[in-house]
Amino acid sequence: MPERANELVQKTTASLNDLRTPVALRRSIEQHQDNLLSLAKALLVAGKSEQEILEILDSAFSSYKKELTKTIVTLGNEQ
């Protein structure tokens, strides 16, 4: 099951690897990719329902959106 989770995360985030992004932003994306893999494994092992997964992802992506926005604004201020 963990290998399947890894495959799904890699497939889902593959397009991010092609982006030309600043180093700080790349680190944020890689960190969240690792977090997403851990989350996918945990959700699969826990046998969560689709509704539970949606609720967890809504929360996780809301947090990621805030951090990503902060990183982008910081990069903008450095220029």
PDB file of N, CA and C in Angstrom:
ATOM      1  N   MET A   1       0.817  -1.207   0.000  1.00  0.00           N
ATOM      2  CA  MET A   1       0.000   0.000   0.000  1.00  0.00           C
ATOM      3  C   MET A   1       0.857   1.267   0.000  1.00  0.00           C
ATOM      4  N   PRO A   2       1.931   1.358   0.803  1.00  0.00           N
ATOM      5  CA  PRO A   2       2.745   2.572   0.759  1.00  0.00           C
ATOM      6  C   PRO A   2       3.344   2.844  -0.626  1.00  0.00           C
ATOM      7  N   GLU A   3       3.700   1.801  -1.368  1.00  0.00           N
ATOM      8  CA  GLU A   3       4.246   2.010  -2.709  1.00  0.00           C
ATOM      9  C   GLU A   3       3.186   2.623  -3.628  1.00  0.00           C
ATOM     10  N   ARG A   4       1.964   2.182  -3.495  1.00  0.00           N
ATOM     11  CA  ARG A   4       0.854   2.749  -4.281  1.00  0.00           C
ATOM     12  C   ARG A   4       0.674   4.224  -3.938  1.00  0.00           C
ATOM     13  N   ALA A   5       0.778   4.550  -2.655  1.00  0.00           N
ATOM     14  CA  ALA A   5       0.664   5.950  -2.233  1.00  0.00           C
ATOM     15  C   ALA A   5       1.777   6.776  -2.869  1.00  0.00           C
ATOM     16  N   ASN A   6       2.983   6.237  -2.878  1.00  0.00           N
ATOM     17  CA  ASN A   6       4.114   6.941  -3.480  1.00  0.00           C
ATOM     18  C   ASN A   6       3.872   7.169  -4.963  1.00  0.00           C
ATOM     19  N   GLU A   7       3.373   6.161  -5.667  1.00  0.00           N
ATOM     20  CA  GLU A   7       3.078   6.294  -7.092  1.00  0.00           C
ATOM     21  C   GLU A   7       2.030   7.379  -7.341  1.00  0.00           C
ATOM     22  N   LEU A   8       0.984   7.398  -6.525  1.00  0.00           N
ATOM     23  CA  LEU A   8      -0.082   8.386  -6.698  1.00  0.00           C
ATOM     24  C   LEU A   8       0.420   9.803  -6.456  1.00  0.00           C
ATOM     25  N   VAL A   9       1.212   9.976  -5.409  1.00  0.00           N
ATOM     26  CA  VAL A   9       1.738  11.308  -5.107  1.00  0.00           C
ATOM     27  C   VAL A   9       2.672  11.764  -6.219  1.00  0.00           C
ATOM     28  N   GLN A  10       3.545  10.880  -6.682  1.00  0.00           N
ATOM     29  CA  GLN A  10       4.468  11.244  -7.763  1.00  0.00           C
ATOM     30  C   GLN A  10       3.701  11.640  -9.021  1.00  0.00           C
ATOM     31  N   LYS A  11       2.665  10.872  -9.347  1.00  0.00           N
ATOM     32  CA  LYS A  11       1.864  11.168 -10.534  1.00  0.00           C
ATOM     33  C   LYS A  11       1.127  12.499 -10.373  1.00  0.00           C
ATOM     34  N   THR A  12       0.578  12.735  -9.193  1.00  0.00           N
ATOM     35  CA  THR A  12      -0.198  13.944  -8.936  1.00  0.00           C
ATOM     36  C   THR A  12       0.668  15.194  -8.974  1.00  0.00           C
ATOM     37  N   THR A  13       1.886  15.100  -8.499  1.00  0.00           N
ATOM     38  CA  THR A  13       2.736  16.283  -8.391  1.00  0.00           C
ATOM     39  C   THR A  13       3.792  16.373  -9.487  1.00  0.00           C
ATOM     40  N   ALA A  14       3.759  15.471 -10.454  1.00  0.00           N
ATOM     41  CA  ALA A  14       4.787  15.435 -11.506  1.00  0.00           C
ATOM     42  C   ALA A  14       4.904  16.755 -12.256  1.00  0.00           C
ATOM     43  N   SER A  15       3.801  17.404 -12.522  1.00  0.00           N
ATOM     44  CA  SER A  15       3.860  18.651 -13.293  1.00  0.00           C
ATOM     45  C   SER A  15       4.601  19.751 -12.546  1.00  0.00           C
ATOM     46  N   LEU A  16       4.646  19.668 -11.223  1.00  0.00           N
ATOM     47  CA  LEU A  16       5.372  20.676 -10.448  1.00  0.00           C
ATOM     48  C   LEU A  16       6.874  20.586 -10.689  1.00  0.00           C
ATOM     49  N   ASN A  17       7.352  19.400 -11.032  1.00  0.00           N
ATOM     50  CA  ASN A  17       8.785  19.216 -11.260  1.00  0.00           C
ATOM     51  C   ASN A  17       9.266  19.919 -12.516  1.00  0.00           C
ATOM     52  N   ASP A  18       8.363  20.235 -13.423  1.00  0.00           N
ATOM     53  CA  ASP A  18       8.731  20.890 -14.672  1.00  0.00           C
ATOM     54  C   ASP A  18       8.723  22.413 -14.574  1.00  0.00           C
ATOM     55  N   LEU A  19       8.229  22.933 -13.475  1.00  0.00           N
ATOM     56  CA  LEU A  19       8.151  24.382 -13.324  1.00  0.00           C
ATOM     57  C   LEU A  19       9.524  24.977 -13.050  1.00  0.00           C
ATOM     58  N   ARG A  20       9.762  26.122 -13.618  1.00  0.00           N
ATOM     59  CA  ARG A  20      10.983  26.867 -13.303  1.00  0.00           C
ATOM     60  C   ARG A  20      10.643  27.766 -12.124  1.00  0.00           C
ATOM     61  N   THR A  21      11.069  27.345 -10.962  1.00  0.00           N
ATOM     62  CA  THR A  21      10.705  28.080  -9.756  1.00  0.00           C
ATOM     63  C   THR A  21      11.952  28.503  -8.996  1.00  0.00           C
ATOM     64  N   PRO A  22      11.847  29.599  -8.259  1.00  0.00           N
ATOM     65  CA  PRO A  22      12.961  30.009  -7.407  1.00  0.00           C
ATOM     66  C   PRO A  22      13.255  28.924  -6.361  1.00  0.00           C
ATOM     67  N   VAL A  23      14.467  28.909  -5.876  1.00  0.00           N
ATOM     68  CA  VAL A  23      14.896  27.879  -4.925  1.00  0.00           C
ATOM     69  C   VAL A  23      13.989  27.829  -3.694  1.00  0.00           C
ATOM     70  N   ALA A  24      13.653  28.975  -3.136  1.00  0.00           N
ATOM     71  CA  ALA A  24      12.811  28.989  -1.935  1.00  0.00           C
ATOM     72  C   ALA A  24      11.452  28.361  -2.198  1.00  0.00           C
ATOM     73  N   LEU A  25      10.906  28.632  -3.339  1.00  0.00           N
ATOM     74  CA  LEU A  25       9.606  28.070  -3.697  1.00  0.00           C
ATOM     75  C   LEU A  25       9.739  26.582  -3.979  1.00  0.00           C
ATOM     76  N   ARG A  26      10.805  26.177  -4.629  1.00  0.00           N
ATOM     77  CA  ARG A  26      11.051  24.761  -4.904  1.00  0.00           C
ATOM     78  C   ARG A  26      11.132  23.968  -3.602  1.00  0.00           C
ATOM     79  N   ARG A  27      11.806  24.522  -2.596  1.00  0.00           N
ATOM     80  CA  ARG A  27      11.909  23.840  -1.289  1.00  0.00           C
ATOM     81  C   ARG A  27      10.538  23.657  -0.672  1.00  0.00           C
ATOM     82  N   SER A  28       9.702  24.659  -0.768  1.00  0.00           N
ATOM     83  CA  SER A  28       8.350  24.569  -0.226  1.00  0.00           C
ATOM     84  C   SER A  28       7.558  23.479  -0.942  1.00  0.00           C
ATOM     85  N   ILE A  29       7.659  23.428  -2.257  1.00  0.00           N
ATOM     86  CA  ILE A  29       6.946  22.410  -3.030  1.00  0.00           C
ATOM     87  C   ILE A  29       7.431  21.020  -2.656  1.00  0.00           C
ATOM     88  N   GLU A  30       8.751  20.842  -2.542  1.00  0.00           N
ATOM     89  CA  GLU A  30       9.304  19.530  -2.192  1.00  0.00           C
ATOM     90  C   GLU A  30       8.880  19.104  -0.791  1.00  0.00           C
ATOM     91  N   GLN A  31       8.869  20.048   0.137  1.00  0.00           N
ATOM     92  CA  GLN A  31       8.444  19.739   1.506  1.00  0.00           C
ATOM     93  C   GLN A  31       6.991  19.290   1.525  1.00  0.00           C
ATOM     94  N   HIS A  32       6.160  19.978   0.790  1.00  0.00           N
ATOM     95  CA  HIS A  32       4.746  19.612   0.764  1.00  0.00           C
ATOM     96  C   HIS A  32       4.505  18.321  -0.011  1.00  0.00           C
ATOM     97  N   GLN A  33       5.355  18.029  -0.967  1.00  0.00           N
ATOM     98  CA  GLN A  33       5.259  16.749  -1.662  1.00  0.00           C
ATOM     99  C   GLN A  33       5.551  15.609  -0.671  1.00  0.00           C
ATOM    100  N   ASP A  34       6.562  15.791   0.158  1.00  0.00           N
ATOM    101  CA  ASP A  34       6.869  14.796   1.189  1.00  0.00           C
ATOM    102  C   ASP A  34       5.720  14.667   2.188  1.00  0.00           C
ATOM    103  N   ASN A  35       5.146  15.805   2.569  1.00  0.00           N
ATOM    104  CA  ASN A  35       4.022  15.781   3.506  1.00  0.00           C
ATOM    105  C   ASN A  35       2.809  15.085   2.887  1.00  0.00           C
ATOM    106  N   LEU A  36       2.588  15.330   1.604  1.00  0.00           N
ATOM    107  CA  LEU A  36       1.467  14.705   0.909  1.00  0.00           C
ATOM    108  C   LEU A  36       1.642  13.187   0.851  1.00  0.00           C
ATOM    109  N   LEU A  37       2.864  12.740   0.637  1.00  0.00           N
ATOM    110  CA  LEU A  37       3.134  11.308   0.614  1.00  0.00           C
ATOM    111  C   LEU A  37       2.841  10.691   1.984  1.00  0.00           C
ATOM    112  N   SER A  38       3.299  11.337   3.033  1.00  0.00           N
ATOM    113  CA  SER A  38       3.022  10.835   4.389  1.00  0.00           C
ATOM    114  C   SER A  38       1.524  10.803   4.664  1.00  0.00           C
ATOM    115  N   LEU A  39       0.826  11.840   4.237  1.00  0.00           N
ATOM    116  CA  LEU A  39      -0.619  11.909   4.442  1.00  0.00           C
ATOM    117  C   LEU A  39      -1.328  10.809   3.655  1.00  0.00           C
ATOM    118  N   ALA A  40      -0.925  10.600   2.400  1.00  0.00           N
ATOM    119  CA  ALA A  40      -1.549   9.561   1.583  1.00  0.00           C
ATOM    120  C   ALA A  40      -1.370   8.192   2.221  1.00  0.00           C
ATOM    121  N   LYS A  41      -0.172   7.907   2.697  1.00  0.00           N
ATOM    122  CA  LYS A  41       0.092   6.618   3.344  1.00  0.00           C
ATOM    123  C   LYS A  41      -0.778   6.455   4.587  1.00  0.00           C
ATOM    124  N   ALA A  42      -0.852   7.498   5.397  1.00  0.00           N
ATOM    125  CA  ALA A  42      -1.629   7.429   6.632  1.00  0.00           C
ATOM    126  C   ALA A  42      -3.114   7.232   6.346  1.00  0.00           C
ATOM    127  N   LEU A  43      -3.631   7.928   5.343  1.00  0.00           N
ATOM    128  CA  LEU A  43      -5.048   7.804   5.007  1.00  0.00           C
ATOM    129  C   LEU A  43      -5.373   6.407   4.482  1.00  0.00           C
ATOM    130  N   LEU A  44      -4.478   5.852   3.660  1.00  0.00           N
ATOM    131  CA  LEU A  44      -4.693   4.509   3.143  1.00  0.00           C
ATOM    132  C   LEU A  44      -4.658   3.470   4.260  1.00  0.00           C
ATOM    133  N   VAL A  45      -3.681   3.583   5.133  1.00  0.00           N
ATOM    134  CA  VAL A  45      -3.547   2.635   6.243  1.00  0.00           C
ATOM    135  C   VAL A  45      -4.736   2.736   7.188  1.00  0.00           C
ATOM    136  N   ALA A  46      -5.222   3.952   7.406  1.00  0.00           N
ATOM    137  CA  ALA A  46      -6.336   4.172   8.338  1.00  0.00           C
ATOM    138  C   ALA A  46      -7.682   3.775   7.746  1.00  0.00           C
ATOM    139  N   GLY A  47      -7.732   3.533   6.436  1.00  0.00           N
ATOM    140  CA  GLY A  47      -8.988   3.133   5.802  1.00  0.00           C
ATOM    141  C   GLY A  47     -10.054   4.219   5.827  1.00  0.00           C
ATOM    142  N   LYS A  48      -9.631   5.465   5.680  1.00  0.00           N
ATOM    143  CA  LYS A  48     -10.570   6.590   5.713  1.00  0.00           C
ATOM    144  C   LYS A  48     -11.533   6.548   4.528  1.00  0.00           C
ATOM    145  N   SER A  49     -12.737   7.050   4.760  1.00  0.00           N
ATOM    146  CA  SER A  49     -13.739   7.132   3.695  1.00  0.00           C
ATOM    147  C   SER A  49     -13.398   8.299   2.777  1.00  0.00           C
ATOM    148  N   GLU A  50     -14.023   8.333   1.614  1.00  0.00           N
ATOM    149  CA  GLU A  50     -13.776   9.423   0.675  1.00  0.00           C
ATOM    150  C   GLU A  50     -14.137  10.769   1.301  1.00  0.00           C
ATOM    151  N   GLN A  51     -15.231  10.846   2.032  1.00  0.00           N
ATOM    152  CA  GLN A  51     -15.640  12.099   2.670  1.00  0.00           C
ATOM    153  C   GLN A  51     -14.607  12.543   3.709  1.00  0.00           C
ATOM    154  N   GLU A  52     -14.107  11.602   4.490  1.00  0.00           N
ATOM    155  CA  GLU A  52     -13.079  11.944   5.480  1.00  0.00           C
ATOM    156  C   GLU A  52     -11.810  12.441   4.790  1.00  0.00           C
ATOM    157  N   ILE A  53     -11.443  11.797   3.699  1.00  0.00           N
ATOM    158  CA  ILE A  53     -10.254  12.213   2.953  1.00  0.00           C
ATOM    159  C   ILE A  53     -10.440  13.624   2.405  1.00  0.00           C
ATOM    160  N   LEU A  54     -11.615  13.923   1.856  1.00  0.00           N
ATOM    161  CA  LEU A  54     -11.893  15.268   1.338  1.00  0.00           C
ATOM    162  C   LEU A  54     -11.763  16.324   2.427  1.00  0.00           C
ATOM    163  N   GLU A  55     -12.284  16.039   3.597  1.00  0.00           N
ATOM    164  CA  GLU A  55     -12.210  16.994   4.709  1.00  0.00           C
ATOM    165  C   GLU A  55     -10.761  17.215   5.149  1.00  0.00           C
ATOM    166  N   ILE A  56      -9.998  16.144   5.217  1.00  0.00           N
ATOM    167  CA  ILE A  56      -8.596  16.253   5.615  1.00  0.00           C
ATOM    168  C   ILE A  56      -7.806  17.038   4.564  1.00  0.00           C
ATOM    169  N   LEU A  57      -8.053  16.746   3.288  1.00  0.00           N
ATOM    170  CA  LEU A  57      -7.342  17.454   2.222  1.00  0.00           C
ATOM    171  C   LEU A  57      -7.724  18.927   2.165  1.00  0.00           C
ATOM    172  N   ASP A  58      -8.989  19.253   2.409  1.00  0.00           N
ATOM    173  CA  ASP A  58      -9.397  20.655   2.443  1.00  0.00           C
ATOM    174  C   ASP A  58      -8.579  21.415   3.483  1.00  0.00           C
ATOM    175  N   SER A  59      -8.427  20.815   4.637  1.00  0.00           N
ATOM    176  CA  SER A  59      -7.652  21.441   5.706  1.00  0.00           C
ATOM    177  C   SER A  59      -6.176  21.542   5.336  1.00  0.00           C
ATOM    178  N   ALA A  60      -5.617  20.461   4.809  1.00  0.00           N
ATOM    179  CA  ALA A  60      -4.196  20.445   4.455  1.00  0.00           C
ATOM    180  C   ALA A  60      -3.886  21.460   3.362  1.00  0.00           C
ATOM    181  N   PHE A  61      -4.723  21.530   2.340  1.00  0.00           N
ATOM    182  CA  PHE A  61      -4.447  22.450   1.239  1.00  0.00           C
ATOM    183  C   PHE A  61      -4.694  23.904   1.628  1.00  0.00           C
ATOM    184  N   SER A  62      -5.577  24.129   2.572  1.00  0.00           N
ATOM    185  CA  SER A  62      -5.775  25.486   3.082  1.00  0.00           C
ATOM    186  C   SER A  62      -4.497  25.963   3.768  1.00  0.00           C
ATOM    187  N   SER A  63      -3.909  25.087   4.562  1.00  0.00           N
ATOM    188  CA  SER A  63      -2.658  25.410   5.236  1.00  0.00           C
ATOM    189  C   SER A  63      -1.542  25.632   4.219  1.00  0.00           C
ATOM    190  N   TYR A  64      -1.472  24.764   3.221  1.00  0.00           N
ATOM    191  CA  TYR A  64      -0.439  24.883   2.189  1.00  0.00           C
ATOM    192  C   TYR A  64      -0.606  26.183   1.408  1.00  0.00           C
ATOM    193  N   LYS A  65      -1.841  26.542   1.108  1.00  0.00           N
ATOM    194  CA  LYS A  65      -2.113  27.775   0.368  1.00  0.00           C
ATOM    195  C   LYS A  65      -1.568  28.983   1.125  1.00  0.00           C
ATOM    196  N   LYS A  66      -1.771  29.001   2.431  1.00  0.00           N
ATOM    197  CA  LYS A  66      -1.275  30.112   3.245  1.00  0.00           C
ATOM    198  C   LYS A  66       0.251  30.173   3.222  1.00  0.00           C
ATOM    199  N   GLU A  67       0.899  29.020   3.375  1.00  0.00           N
ATOM    200  CA  GLU A  67       2.359  28.999   3.379  1.00  0.00           C
ATOM    201  C   GLU A  67       2.927  29.355   2.014  1.00  0.00           C
ATOM    202  N   LEU A  68       2.316  28.836   0.960  1.00  0.00           N
ATOM    203  CA  LEU A  68       2.778  29.126  -0.391  1.00  0.00           C
ATOM    204  C   LEU A  68       2.624  30.613  -0.710  1.00  0.00           C
ATOM    205  N   THR A  69       1.518  31.198  -0.305  1.00  0.00           N
ATOM    206  CA  THR A  69       1.290  32.626  -0.511  1.00  0.00           C
ATOM    207  C   THR A  69       2.352  33.441   0.215  1.00  0.00           C
ATOM    208  N   LYS A  70       2.650  33.065   1.455  1.00  0.00           N
ATOM    209  CA  LYS A  70       3.668  33.760   2.243  1.00  0.00           C
ATOM    210  C   LYS A  70       5.028  33.671   1.558  1.00  0.00           C
ATOM    211  N   THR A  71       5.378  32.487   1.037  1.00  0.00           N
ATOM    212  CA  THR A  71       6.646  32.312   0.350  1.00  0.00           C
ATOM    213  C   THR A  71       6.718  33.170  -0.902  1.00  0.00           C
ATOM    214  N   ILE A  72       5.655  33.216  -1.666  1.00  0.00           N
ATOM    215  CA  ILE A  72       5.637  34.008  -2.901  1.00  0.00           C
ATOM    216  C   ILE A  72       5.743  35.497  -2.587  1.00  0.00           C
ATOM    217  N   VAL A  73       5.032  35.956  -1.573  1.00  0.00           N
ATOM    218  CA  VAL A  73       5.098  37.374  -1.191  1.00  0.00           C
ATOM    219  C   VAL A  73       6.504  37.721  -0.728  1.00  0.00           C
ATOM    220  N   THR A  74       7.122  36.842   0.040  1.00  0.00           N
ATOM    221  CA  THR A  74       8.492  37.071   0.505  1.00  0.00           C
ATOM    222  C   THR A  74       9.449  37.168  -0.681  1.00  0.00           C
ATOM    223  N   LEU A  75       9.284  36.273  -1.646  1.00  0.00           N
ATOM    224  CA  LEU A  75      10.130  36.323  -2.845  1.00  0.00           C
ATOM    225  C   LEU A  75       9.946  37.642  -3.598  1.00  0.00           C
ATOM    226  N   GLY A  76       8.697  38.106  -3.669  1.00  0.00           N
ATOM    227  CA  GLY A  76       8.408  39.367  -4.333  1.00  0.00           C
ATOM    228  C   GLY A  76       9.055  40.547  -3.631  1.00  0.00           C
ATOM    229  N   ASN A  77       9.096  40.495  -2.312  1.00  0.00           N
ATOM    230  CA  ASN A  77       9.698  41.576  -1.536  1.00  0.00           C
ATOM    231  C   ASN A  77      11.222  41.598  -1.646  1.00  0.00           C
ATOM    232  N   GLU A  78      11.816  40.447  -2.005  1.00  0.00           N
ATOM    233  CA  GLU A  78      13.272  40.359  -2.120  1.00  0.00           C
ATOM    234  C   GLU A  78      13.780  40.913  -3.441  1.00  0.00           C
ATOM    235  N   GLN A  79      12.882  41.137  -4.392  1.00  0.00           N
ATOM    236  CA  GLN A  79      13.310  41.619  -5.715  1.00  0.00           C
ATOM    237  C   GLN A  79      13.381  43.110  -5.766  1.00  0.00           C
TER     238      GLN A  79
END
